[in-house]
């Protein structure tokens, strides 16, 4: 089903507005600019997803020590370079102190 502007949900309208704001802050002059912006966005989305995976694994949010029910905790980040259609994307993968965190969205090694 083709969606037109009249049939957009409130969430889709908000997302479109956010994209417009992003483009105002990062004007696209050519394909290289677009490629760089997409790489940055993909990297950011992956890093946020990895943080969410670690939070789920540990059972508490970052800086939410009052709800911590484990001896395991965050332990910095490891750098990782992903190969994509847009070129290499450098991301920071969170680690846990016990080394048991196995990310699913971006597998180890």
PDB file of N, CA and C in Angstrom:
ATOM      1  N   UNK A   1       0.834  -1.173   0.000  1.00  0.00           N
ATOM      2  CA  UNK A   1       0.000   0.000   0.000  1.00  0.00           C
ATOM      3  C   UNK A   1       0.887   1.248   0.000  1.00  0.00           C
ATOM      4  N   UNK A   2       0.661   2.116  -0.950  1.00  0.00           N
ATOM      5  CA  UNK A   2       1.428   3.351  -1.043  1.00  0.00           C
ATOM      6  C   UNK A   2       0.912   4.355  -0.018  1.00  0.00           C
ATOM      7  N   UNK A   3       1.825   4.958   0.720  1.00  0.00           N
ATOM      8  CA  UNK A   3       1.432   5.945   1.720  1.00  0.00           C
ATOM      9  C   UNK A   3       1.735   7.327   1.189  1.00  0.00           C
ATOM     10  N   UNK A   4       0.766   8.216   1.255  1.00  0.00           N
ATOM     11  CA  UNK A   4       1.034   9.585   0.862  1.00  0.00           C
ATOM     12  C   UNK A   4       1.096  10.464   2.098  1.00  0.00           C
ATOM     13  N   UNK A   5       1.411  11.705   1.884  1.00  0.00           N
ATOM     14  CA  UNK A   5       1.617  12.616   3.011  1.00  0.00           C
ATOM     15  C   UNK A   5       0.358  12.799   3.849  1.00  0.00           C
ATOM     16  N   UNK A   6      -0.804  12.665   3.248  1.00  0.00           N
ATOM     17  CA  UNK A   6      -2.052  12.853   3.975  1.00  0.00           C
ATOM     18  C   UNK A   6      -2.325  11.713   4.946  1.00  0.00           C
ATOM     19  N   UNK A   7      -1.801  10.523   4.664  1.00  0.00           N
ATOM     20  CA  UNK A   7      -2.087   9.346   5.479  1.00  0.00           C
ATOM     21  C   UNK A   7      -0.993   9.017   6.493  1.00  0.00           C
ATOM     22  N   UNK A   8      -0.066   9.924   6.724  1.00  0.00           N
ATOM     23  CA  UNK A   8       1.036   9.637   7.647  1.00  0.00           C
ATOM     24  C   UNK A   8       0.549   9.613   9.094  1.00  0.00           C
ATOM     25  N   UNK A   9       1.085   8.675   9.835  1.00  0.00           N
ATOM     26  CA  UNK A   9       0.781   8.616  11.265  1.00  0.00           C
ATOM     27  C   UNK A   9       1.518   9.760  11.969  1.00  0.00           C
ATOM     28  N   UNK A  10       1.114  10.093  13.184  1.00  0.00           N
ATOM     29  CA  UNK A  10       1.834  11.133  13.935  1.00  0.00           C
ATOM     30  C   UNK A  10       3.316  10.794  14.114  1.00  0.00           C
ATOM     31  N   UNK A  11       3.626   9.510  14.289  1.00  0.00           N
ATOM     32  CA  UNK A  11       5.029   9.100  14.445  1.00  0.00           C
ATOM     33  C   UNK A  11       5.807   9.346  13.154  1.00  0.00           C
ATOM     34  N   UNK A  12       5.189   9.012  12.007  1.00  0.00           N
ATOM     35  CA  UNK A  12       5.851   9.239  10.721  1.00  0.00           C
ATOM     36  C   UNK A  12       6.051  10.731  10.465  1.00  0.00           C
ATOM     37  N   UNK A  13       5.076  11.544  10.821  1.00  0.00           N
ATOM     38  CA  UNK A  13       5.204  13.000  10.656  1.00  0.00           C
ATOM     39  C   UNK A  13       6.356  13.532  11.514  1.00  0.00           C
ATOM     40  N   UNK A  14       6.441  13.057  12.738  1.00  0.00           N
ATOM     41  CA  UNK A  14       7.512  13.488  13.637  1.00  0.00           C
ATOM     42  C   UNK A  14       8.876  13.066  13.090  1.00  0.00           C
ATOM     43  N   UNK A  15       8.954  11.828  12.582  1.00  0.00           N
ATOM     44  CA  UNK A  15      10.205  11.331  12.012  1.00  0.00           C
ATOM     45  C   UNK A  15      10.626  12.173  10.815  1.00  0.00           C
ATOM     46  N   UNK A  16       9.673  12.523   9.947  1.00  0.00           N
ATOM     47  CA  UNK A  16       9.973  13.364   8.785  1.00  0.00           C
ATOM     48  C   UNK A  16      10.484  14.735   9.232  1.00  0.00           C
ATOM     49  N   UNK A  17       9.876  15.282  10.270  1.00  0.00           N
ATOM     50  CA  UNK A  17      10.310  16.580  10.776  1.00  0.00           C
ATOM     51  C   UNK A  17      11.734  16.495  11.335  1.00  0.00           C
ATOM     52  N   UNK A  18      12.036  15.412  12.033  1.00  0.00           N
ATOM     53  CA  UNK A  18      13.392  15.225  12.556  1.00  0.00           C
ATOM     54  C   UNK A  18      14.416  15.120  11.421  1.00  0.00           C
ATOM     55  N   UNK A  19      14.050  14.434  10.344  1.00  0.00           N
ATOM     56  CA  UNK A  19      14.951  14.323   9.187  1.00  0.00           C
ATOM     57  C   UNK A  19      15.178  15.705   8.580  1.00  0.00           C
ATOM     58  N   UNK A  20      14.118  16.493   8.470  1.00  0.00           N
ATOM     59  CA  UNK A  20      14.269  17.854   7.927  1.00  0.00           C
ATOM     60  C   UNK A  20      15.209  18.685   8.798  1.00  0.00           C
ATOM     61  N   UNK A  21      15.054  18.579  10.117  1.00  0.00           N
ATOM     62  CA  UNK A  21      15.930  19.310  11.036  1.00  0.00           C
ATOM     63  C   UNK A  21      17.380  18.863  10.883  1.00  0.00           C
ATOM     64  N   UNK A  22      17.572  17.553  10.760  1.00  0.00           N
ATOM     65  CA  UNK A  22      18.915  17.008  10.569  1.00  0.00           C
ATOM     66  C   UNK A  22      19.549  17.567   9.296  1.00  0.00           C
ATOM     67  N   UNK A  23      18.771  17.636   8.234  1.00  0.00           N
ATOM     68  CA  UNK A  23      19.294  18.145   6.966  1.00  0.00           C
ATOM     69  C   UNK A  23      19.566  19.644   7.012  1.00  0.00           C
ATOM     70  N   UNK A  24      18.827  20.376   7.837  1.00  0.00           N
ATOM     71  CA  UNK A  24      19.120  21.802   8.014  1.00  0.00           C
ATOM     72  C   UNK A  24      20.483  21.976   8.682  1.00  0.00           C
ATOM     73  N   UNK A  25      20.766  21.099   9.646  1.00  0.00           N
ATOM     74  CA  UNK A  25      22.041  21.180  10.359  1.00  0.00           C
ATOM     75  C   UNK A  25      23.204  20.618   9.544  1.00  0.00           C
ATOM     76  N   UNK A  26      22.904  19.727   8.596  1.00  0.00           N
ATOM     77  CA  UNK A  26      23.925  19.065   7.783  1.00  0.00           C
ATOM     78  C   UNK A  26      23.545  19.157   6.311  1.00  0.00           C
ATOM     79  N   UNK A  27      23.744  20.322   5.694  1.00  0.00           N
ATOM     80  CA  UNK A  27      23.340  20.457   4.294  1.00  0.00           C
ATOM     81  C   UNK A  27      24.073  19.459   3.392  1.00  0.00           C
ATOM     82  N   UNK A  28      23.336  18.892   2.467  1.00  0.00           N
ATOM     83  CA  UNK A  28      23.879  17.920   1.525  1.00  0.00           C
ATOM     84  C   UNK A  28      24.190  18.639   0.219  1.00  0.00           C
ATOM     85  N   UNK A  29      25.467  18.658  -0.154  1.00  0.00           N
ATOM     86  CA  UNK A  29      25.879  19.320  -1.394  1.00  0.00           C
ATOM     87  C   UNK A  29      26.094  18.326  -2.521  1.00  0.00           C
ATOM     88  N   UNK A  30      26.478  17.103  -2.141  1.00  0.00           N
ATOM     89  CA  UNK A  30      26.741  16.093  -3.170  1.00  0.00           C
ATOM     90  C   UNK A  30      26.597  14.697  -2.566  1.00  0.00           C
ATOM     91  N   UNK A  31      26.869  13.692  -3.367  1.00  0.00           N
ATOM     92  CA  UNK A  31      26.741  12.306  -2.932  1.00  0.00           C
ATOM     93  C   UNK A  31      27.657  11.957  -1.778  1.00  0.00           C
ATOM     94  N   UNK A  32      28.848  12.561  -1.751  1.00  0.00           N
ATOM     95  CA  UNK A  32      29.773  12.279  -0.650  1.00  0.00           C
ATOM     96  C   UNK A  32      29.225  12.768   0.687  1.00  0.00           C
ATOM     97  N   UNK A  33      28.587  13.947   0.663  1.00  0.00           N
ATOM     98  CA  UNK A  33      27.982  14.467   1.892  1.00  0.00           C
ATOM     99  C   UNK A  33      26.880  13.535   2.376  1.00  0.00           C
ATOM    100  N   UNK A  34      26.055  13.069   1.446  1.00  0.00           N
ATOM    101  CA  UNK A  34      24.971  12.155   1.792  1.00  0.00           C
ATOM    102  C   UNK A  34      25.529  10.850   2.350  1.00  0.00           C
ATOM    103  N   UNK A  35      26.554  10.319   1.702  1.00  0.00           N
ATOM    104  CA  UNK A  35      27.187   9.080   2.149  1.00  0.00           C
ATOM    105  C   UNK A  35      27.751   9.233   3.567  1.00  0.00           C
ATOM    106  N   UNK A  36      28.415  10.349   3.824  1.00  0.00           N
ATOM    107  CA  UNK A  36      28.986  10.594   5.155  1.00  0.00           C
ATOM    108  C   UNK A  36      27.902  10.687   6.224  1.00  0.00           C
ATOM    109  N   UNK A  37      26.804  11.368   5.905  1.00  0.00           N
ATOM    110  CA  UNK A  37      25.716  11.502   6.857  1.00  0.00           C
ATOM    111  C   UNK A  37      25.075  10.146   7.154  1.00  0.00           C
ATOM    112  N   UNK A  38      24.874   9.347   6.122  1.00  0.00           N
ATOM    113  CA  UNK A  38      24.275   8.020   6.322  1.00  0.00           C
ATOM    114  C   UNK A  38      25.194   7.151   7.167  1.00  0.00           C
ATOM    115  N   UNK A  39      26.503   7.181   6.889  1.00  0.00           N
ATOM    116  CA  UNK A  39      27.458   6.400   7.691  1.00  0.00           C
ATOM    117  C   UNK A  39      27.386   6.807   9.158  1.00  0.00           C
ATOM    118  N   UNK A  40      27.343   8.109   9.402  1.00  0.00           N
ATOM    119  CA  UNK A  40      27.289   8.601  10.779  1.00  0.00           C
ATOM    120  C   UNK A  40      25.995   8.157  11.466  1.00  0.00           C
ATOM    121  N   UNK A  41      24.888   8.222  10.754  1.00  0.00           N
ATOM    122  CA  UNK A  41      23.605   7.823  11.324  1.00  0.00           C
ATOM    123  C   UNK A  41      23.575   6.324  11.615  1.00  0.00           C
ATOM    124  N   UNK A  42      24.068   5.513  10.690  1.00  0.00           N
ATOM    125  CA  UNK A  42      24.097   4.063  10.902  1.00  0.00           C
ATOM    126  C   UNK A  42      24.960   3.732  12.118  1.00  0.00           C
ATOM    127  N   UNK A  43      26.118   4.360  12.214  1.00  0.00           N
ATOM    128  CA  UNK A  43      26.996   4.129  13.364  1.00  0.00           C
ATOM    129  C   UNK A  43      26.327   4.507  14.672  1.00  0.00           C
ATOM    130  N   UNK A  44      25.646   5.650  14.684  1.00  0.00           N
ATOM    131  CA  UNK A  44      24.972   6.103  15.903  1.00  0.00           C
ATOM    132  C   UNK A  44      23.848   5.152  16.295  1.00  0.00           C
ATOM    133  N   UNK A  45      23.058   4.710  15.319  1.00  0.00           N
ATOM    134  CA  UNK A  45      21.962   3.773  15.603  1.00  0.00           C
ATOM    135  C   UNK A  45      22.513   2.473  16.181  1.00  0.00           C
ATOM    136  N   UNK A  46      23.595   1.968  15.602  1.00  0.00           N
ATOM    137  CA  UNK A  46      24.186   0.724  16.097  1.00  0.00           C
ATOM    138  C   UNK A  46      24.719   0.885  17.515  1.00  0.00           C
ATOM    139  N   UNK A  47      25.377   2.015  17.807  1.00  0.00           N
ATOM    140  CA  UNK A  47      25.913   2.230  19.150  1.00  0.00           C
ATOM    141  C   UNK A  47      24.793   2.328  20.182  1.00  0.00           C
ATOM    142  N   UNK A  48      23.693   2.995  19.834  1.00  0.00           N
ATOM    143  CA  UNK A  48      22.555   3.096  20.754  1.00  0.00           C
ATOM    144  C   UNK A  48      21.950   1.707  20.983  1.00  0.00           C
ATOM    145  N   UNK A  49      21.833   0.918  19.911  1.00  0.00           N
ATOM    146  CA  UNK A  49      21.289  -0.438  20.044  1.00  0.00           C
ATOM    147  C   UNK A  49      22.192  -1.303  20.915  1.00  0.00           C
ATOM    148  N   UNK A  50      23.499  -1.184  20.749  1.00  0.00           N
ATOM    149  CA  UNK A  50      24.439  -1.955  21.567  1.00  0.00           C
ATOM    150  C   UNK A  50      24.341  -1.563  23.038  1.00  0.00           C
ATOM    151  N   UNK A  51      24.195  -0.274  23.305  1.00  0.00           N
ATOM    152  CA  UNK A  51      24.015   0.181  24.691  1.00  0.00           C
ATOM    153  C   UNK A  51      22.745  -0.440  25.277  1.00  0.00           C
ATOM    154  N   UNK A  52      21.686  -0.492  24.463  1.00  0.00           N
ATOM    155  CA  UNK A  52      20.436  -1.102  24.926  1.00  0.00           C
ATOM    156  C   UNK A  52      20.595  -2.581  25.205  1.00  0.00           C
ATOM    157  N   UNK A  53      21.347  -3.265  24.350  1.00  0.00           N
ATOM    158  CA  UNK A  53      21.587  -4.698  24.573  1.00  0.00           C
ATOM    159  C   UNK A  53      22.337  -4.920  25.878  1.00  0.00           C
ATOM    160  N   UNK A  54      23.359  -4.108  26.134  1.00  0.00           N
ATOM    161  CA  UNK A  54      24.133  -4.270  27.372  1.00  0.00           C
ATOM    162  C   UNK A  54      23.268  -3.939  28.584  1.00  0.00           C
ATOM    163  N   UNK A  55      22.445  -2.910  28.469  1.00  0.00           N
ATOM    164  CA  UNK A  55      21.546  -2.561  29.572  1.00  0.00           C
ATOM    165  C   UNK A  55      20.599  -3.715  29.881  1.00  0.00           C
ATOM    166  N   UNK A  56      20.087  -4.339  28.834  1.00  0.00           N
ATOM    167  CA  UNK A  56      19.199  -5.487  29.023  1.00  0.00           C
ATOM    168  C   UNK A  56      19.944  -6.659  29.664  1.00  0.00           C
ATOM    169  N   UNK A  57      21.157  -6.882  29.229  1.00  0.00           N
ATOM    170  CA  UNK A  57      21.984  -7.974  29.767  1.00  0.00           C
ATOM    171  C   UNK A  57      22.290  -7.759  31.248  1.00  0.00           C
ATOM    172  N   UNK A  58      22.647  -6.529  31.612  1.00  0.00           N
ATOM    173  CA  UNK A  58      23.023  -6.242  32.994  1.00  0.00           C
ATOM    174  C   UNK A  58      21.810  -6.063  33.896  1.00  0.00           C
ATOM    175  N   UNK A  59      20.687  -5.656  33.322  1.00  0.00           N
ATOM    176  CA  UNK A  59      19.476  -5.488  34.110  1.00  0.00           C
ATOM    177  C   UNK A  59      19.336  -4.139  34.783  1.00  0.00           C
ATOM    178  N   UNK A  60      20.175  -3.168  34.405  1.00  0.00           N
ATOM    179  CA  UNK A  60      20.042  -1.826  34.957  1.00  0.00           C
ATOM    180  C   UNK A  60      20.603  -0.821  33.961  1.00  0.00           C
ATOM    181  N   UNK A  61      20.089   0.400  34.018  1.00  0.00           N
ATOM    182  CA  UNK A  61      20.518   1.457  33.119  1.00  0.00           C
ATOM    183  C   UNK A  61      21.833   2.075  33.560  1.00  0.00           C
ATOM    184  N   UNK A  62      22.457   2.762  32.626  1.00  0.00           N
ATOM    185  CA  UNK A  62      23.700   3.455  32.920  1.00  0.00           C
ATOM    186  C   UNK A  62      23.445   4.477  34.035  1.00  0.00           C
ATOM    187  N   UNK A  63      24.281   4.480  35.044  1.00  0.00           N
ATOM    188  CA  UNK A  63      24.190   5.359  36.218  1.00  0.00           C
ATOM    189  C   UNK A  63      23.000   5.039  37.120  1.00  0.00           C
ATOM    190  N   UNK A  64      22.334   3.913  36.913  1.00  0.00           N
ATOM    191  CA  UNK A  64      21.190   3.528  37.731  1.00  0.00           C
ATOM    192  C   UNK A  64      21.624   2.444  38.723  1.00  0.00           C
ATOM    193  N   UNK A  65      22.597   2.779  39.548  1.00  0.00           N
ATOM    194  CA  UNK A  65      23.200   1.801  40.449  1.00  0.00           C
ATOM    195  C   UNK A  65      22.230   1.297  41.522  1.00  0.00           C
ATOM    196  N   UNK A  66      21.200   2.062  41.827  1.00  0.00           N
ATOM    197  CA  UNK A  66      20.245   1.641  42.864  1.00  0.00           C
ATOM    198  C   UNK A  66      19.484   0.392  42.447  1.00  0.00           C
ATOM    199  N   UNK A  67      19.314   0.176  41.137  1.00  0.00           N
ATOM    200  CA  UNK A  67      18.591  -1.005  40.659  1.00  0.00           C
ATOM    201  C   UNK A  67      19.526  -2.126  40.213  1.00  0.00           C
ATOM    202  N   UNK A  68      20.802  -2.000  40.525  1.00  0.00           N
ATOM    203  CA  UNK A  68      21.792  -2.999  40.122  1.00  0.00           C
ATOM    204  C   UNK A  68      21.652  -4.242  40.997  1.00  0.00           C
ATOM    205  N   UNK A  69      21.414  -5.390  40.349  1.00  0.00           N
ATOM    206  CA  UNK A  69      21.265  -6.644  41.080  1.00  0.00           C
ATOM    207  C   UNK A  69      22.292  -7.675  40.619  1.00  0.00           C
ATOM    208  N   UNK A  70      23.436  -7.221  40.170  1.00  0.00           N
ATOM    209  CA  UNK A  70      24.480  -8.108  39.672  1.00  0.00           C
ATOM    210  C   UNK A  70      25.845  -7.562  40.067  1.00  0.00           C
ATOM    211  N   UNK A  71      26.833  -8.449  40.088  1.00  0.00           N
ATOM    212  CA  UNK A  71      28.204  -8.002  40.337  1.00  0.00           C
ATOM    213  C   UNK A  71      28.855  -7.490  39.061  1.00  0.00           C
ATOM    214  N   UNK A  72      28.287  -7.854  37.919  1.00  0.00           N
ATOM    215  CA  UNK A  72      28.823  -7.430  36.630  1.00  0.00           C
ATOM    216  C   UNK A  72      28.462  -5.967  36.385  1.00  0.00           C
ATOM    217  N   UNK A  73      29.315  -5.255  35.659  1.00  0.00           N
ATOM    218  CA  UNK A  73      29.040  -3.848  35.364  1.00  0.00           C
ATOM    219  C   UNK A  73      29.695  -3.458  34.049  1.00  0.00           C
ATOM    220  N   UNK A  74      29.412  -2.263  33.610  1.00  0.00           N
ATOM    221  CA  UNK A  74      30.007  -1.746  32.377  1.00  0.00           C
ATOM    222  C   UNK A  74      31.514  -1.605  32.562  1.00  0.00           C
ATOM    223  N   UNK A  75      32.240  -1.735  31.446  1.00  0.00           N
ATOM    224  CA  UNK A  75      33.697  -1.652  31.526  1.00  0.00           C
ATOM    225  C   UNK A  75      34.270  -1.019  30.260  1.00  0.00           C
ATOM    226  N   UNK A  76      33.785   0.154  29.927  1.00  0.00           N
ATOM    227  CA  UNK A  76      34.339   0.883  28.795  1.00  0.00           C
ATOM    228  C   UNK A  76      33.840   0.377  27.450  1.00  0.00           C
ATOM    229  N   UNK A  77      34.658   0.637  26.429  1.00  0.00           N
ATOM    230  CA  UNK A  77      34.278   0.341  25.056  1.00  0.00           C
ATOM    231  C   UNK A  77      35.453  -0.236  24.283  1.00  0.00           C
ATOM    232  N   UNK A  78      35.120  -0.979  23.246  1.00  0.00           N
ATOM    233  CA  UNK A  78      36.106  -1.450  22.275  1.00  0.00           C
ATOM    234  C   UNK A  78      35.753  -0.834  20.933  1.00  0.00           C
ATOM    235  N   UNK A  79      36.755  -0.462  20.177  1.00  0.00           N
ATOM    236  CA  UNK A  79      36.521   0.080  18.838  1.00  0.00           C
ATOM    237  C   UNK A  79      36.340  -1.064  17.857  1.00  0.00           C
ATOM    238  N   UNK A  80      35.459  -0.851  16.900  1.00  0.00           N
ATOM    239  CA  UNK A  80      35.215  -1.858  15.873  1.00  0.00           C
ATOM    240  C   UNK A  80      34.932  -1.137  14.565  1.00  0.00           C
ATOM    241  N   UNK A  81      35.474  -1.661  13.479  1.00  0.00           N
ATOM    242  CA  UNK A  81      35.221  -1.113  12.157  1.00  0.00           C
ATOM    243  C   UNK A  81      34.344  -2.084  11.389  1.00  0.00           C
ATOM    244  N   UNK A  82      33.207  -1.577  10.926  1.00  0.00           N
ATOM    245  CA  UNK A  82      32.274  -2.386  10.152  1.00  0.00           C
ATOM    246  C   UNK A  82      32.389  -2.022   8.682  1.00  0.00           C
ATOM    247  N   UNK A  83      32.334  -3.016   7.823  1.00  0.00           N
ATOM    248  CA  UNK A  83      32.318  -2.760   6.394  1.00  0.00           C
ATOM    249  C   UNK A  83      30.869  -2.690   5.949  1.00  0.00           C
ATOM    250  N   UNK A  84      30.507  -1.625   5.227  1.00  0.00           N
ATOM    251  CA  UNK A  84      29.134  -1.454   4.773  1.00  0.00           C
ATOM    252  C   UNK A  84      29.131  -0.989   3.322  1.00  0.00           C
ATOM    253  N   UNK A  85      27.947  -0.896   2.763  1.00  0.00           N
ATOM    254  CA  UNK A  85      27.808  -0.367   1.403  1.00  0.00           C
ATOM    255  C   UNK A  85      28.220   1.093   1.324  1.00  0.00           C
ATOM    256  N   UNK A  86      28.256   1.768   2.463  1.00  0.00           N
ATOM    257  CA  UNK A  86      28.618   3.180   2.516  1.00  0.00           C
ATOM    258  C   UNK A  86      30.083   3.390   2.864  1.00  0.00           C
ATOM    259  N   UNK A  87      30.828   2.317   3.018  1.00  0.00           N
ATOM    260  CA  UNK A  87      32.229   2.390   3.408  1.00  0.00           C
ATOM    261  C   UNK A  87      32.405   1.887   4.826  1.00  0.00           C
ATOM    262  N   UNK A  88      33.592   2.026   5.354  1.00  0.00           N
ATOM    263  CA  UNK A  88      33.881   1.580   6.722  1.00  0.00           C
ATOM    264  C   UNK A  88      33.209   2.503   7.731  1.00  0.00           C
ATOM    265  N   UNK A  89      32.600   1.886   8.741  1.00  0.00           N
ATOM    266  CA  UNK A  89      31.943   2.631   9.815  1.00  0.00           C
ATOM    267  C   UNK A  89      32.612   2.250  11.115  1.00  0.00           C
ATOM    268  N   UNK A  90      33.156   3.230  11.807  1.00  0.00           N
ATOM    269  CA  UNK A  90      33.809   2.996  13.092  1.00  0.00           C
ATOM    270  C   UNK A  90      32.790   3.192  14.208  1.00  0.00           C
ATOM    271  N   UNK A  91      32.672   2.187  15.077  1.00  0.00           N
ATOM    272  CA  UNK A  91      31.752   2.270  16.210  1.00  0.00           C
ATOM    273  C   UNK A  91      32.479   1.888  17.490  1.00  0.00           C
ATOM    274  N   UNK A  92      31.877   2.248  18.597  1.00  0.00           N
ATOM    275  CA  UNK A  92      32.366   1.881  19.918  1.00  0.00           C
ATOM    276  C   UNK A  92      31.400   0.861  20.502  1.00  0.00           C
ATOM    277  N   UNK A  93      31.900  -0.322  20.824  1.00  0.00           N
ATOM    278  CA  UNK A  93      31.079  -1.412  21.358  1.00  0.00           C
ATOM    279  C   UNK A  93      31.284  -1.471  22.868  1.00  0.00           C
ATOM    280  N   UNK A  94      30.192  -1.368  23.646  1.00  0.00           N
ATOM    281  CA  UNK A  94      30.344  -1.411  25.104  1.00  0.00           C
ATOM    282  C   UNK A  94      30.782  -2.797  25.578  1.00  0.00           C
ATOM    283  N   UNK A  95      31.524  -2.805  26.686  1.00  0.00           N
ATOM    284  CA  UNK A  95      31.986  -4.062  27.292  1.00  0.00           C
ATOM    285  C   UNK A  95      31.446  -4.165  28.702  1.00  0.00           C
ATOM    286  N   UNK A  96      31.426  -5.404  29.191  1.00  0.00           N
ATOM    287  CA  UNK A  96      31.098  -5.627  30.591  1.00  0.00           C
ATOM    288  C   UNK A  96      32.342  -6.159  31.297  1.00  0.00           C
ATOM    289  N   UNK A  97      32.379  -5.989  32.590  1.00  0.00           N
ATOM    290  CA  UNK A  97      33.562  -6.344  33.376  1.00  0.00           C
ATOM    291  C   UNK A  97      33.863  -7.841  33.323  1.00  0.00           C
ATOM    292  N   UNK A  98      32.829  -8.674  33.305  1.00  0.00           N
ATOM    293  CA  UNK A  98      33.044 -10.122  33.305  1.00  0.00           C
ATOM    294  C   UNK A  98      33.306 -10.684  31.907  1.00  0.00           C
ATOM    295  N   UNK A  99      33.114  -9.881  30.880  1.00  0.00           N
ATOM    296  CA  UNK A  99      33.360 -10.344  29.511  1.00  0.00           C
ATOM    297  C   UNK A  99      32.330 -11.328  28.997  1.00  0.00           C
ATOM    298  N   UNK A 100      31.144 -11.322  29.571  1.00  0.00           N
ATOM    299  CA  UNK A 100      30.108 -12.265  29.149  1.00  0.00           C
ATOM    300  C   UNK A 100      29.126 -11.663  28.149  1.00  0.00           C
ATOM    301  N   UNK A 101      29.181 -10.359  27.942  1.00  0.00           N
ATOM    302  CA  UNK A 101      28.256  -9.689  27.028  1.00  0.00           C
ATOM    303  C   UNK A 101      28.549 -10.092  25.590  1.00  0.00           C
ATOM    304  N   UNK A 102      27.561 -10.688  24.942  1.00  0.00           N
ATOM    305  CA  UNK A 102      27.657 -11.102  23.541  1.00  0.00           C
ATOM    306  C   UNK A 102      26.649 -10.298  22.731  1.00  0.00           C
ATOM    307  N   UNK A 103      27.081  -9.196  22.123  1.00  0.00           N
ATOM    308  CA  UNK A 103      26.148  -8.378  21.352  1.00  0.00           C
ATOM    309  C   UNK A 103      25.521  -9.185  20.210  1.00  0.00           C
ATOM    310  N   UNK A 104      24.257  -8.909  19.913  1.00  0.00           N
ATOM    311  CA  UNK A 104      23.548  -9.623  18.857  1.00  0.00           C
ATOM    312  C   UNK A 104      23.487  -8.808  17.564  1.00  0.00           C
ATOM    313  N   UNK A 105      23.332  -7.504  17.678  1.00  0.00           N
ATOM    314  CA  UNK A 105      23.178  -6.694  16.467  1.00  0.00           C
ATOM    315  C   UNK A 105      24.491  -6.582  15.698  1.00  0.00           C
ATOM    316  N   UNK A 106      25.603  -6.564  16.415  1.00  0.00           N
ATOM    317  CA  UNK A 106      26.943  -6.575  15.813  1.00  0.00           C
ATOM    318  C   UNK A 106      27.733  -7.639  16.573  1.00  0.00           C
ATOM    319  N   UNK A 107      27.865  -8.786  15.981  1.00  0.00           N
ATOM    320  CA  UNK A 107      28.532  -9.910  16.655  1.00  0.00           C
ATOM    321  C   UNK A 107      30.007  -9.598  16.902  1.00  0.00           C
ATOM    322  N   UNK A 108      30.550 -10.237  17.925  1.00  0.00           N
ATOM    323  CA  UNK A 108      31.987 -10.111  18.203  1.00  0.00           C
ATOM    324  C   UNK A 108      32.785 -10.719  17.054  1.00  0.00           C
ATOM    325  N   UNK A 109      33.981 -10.210  16.858  1.00  0.00           N
ATOM    326  CA  UNK A 109      34.912 -10.675  15.850  1.00  0.00           C
ATOM    327  C   UNK A 109      34.281 -10.664  14.495  1.00  0.00           C
TER     328      UNK A 109
END
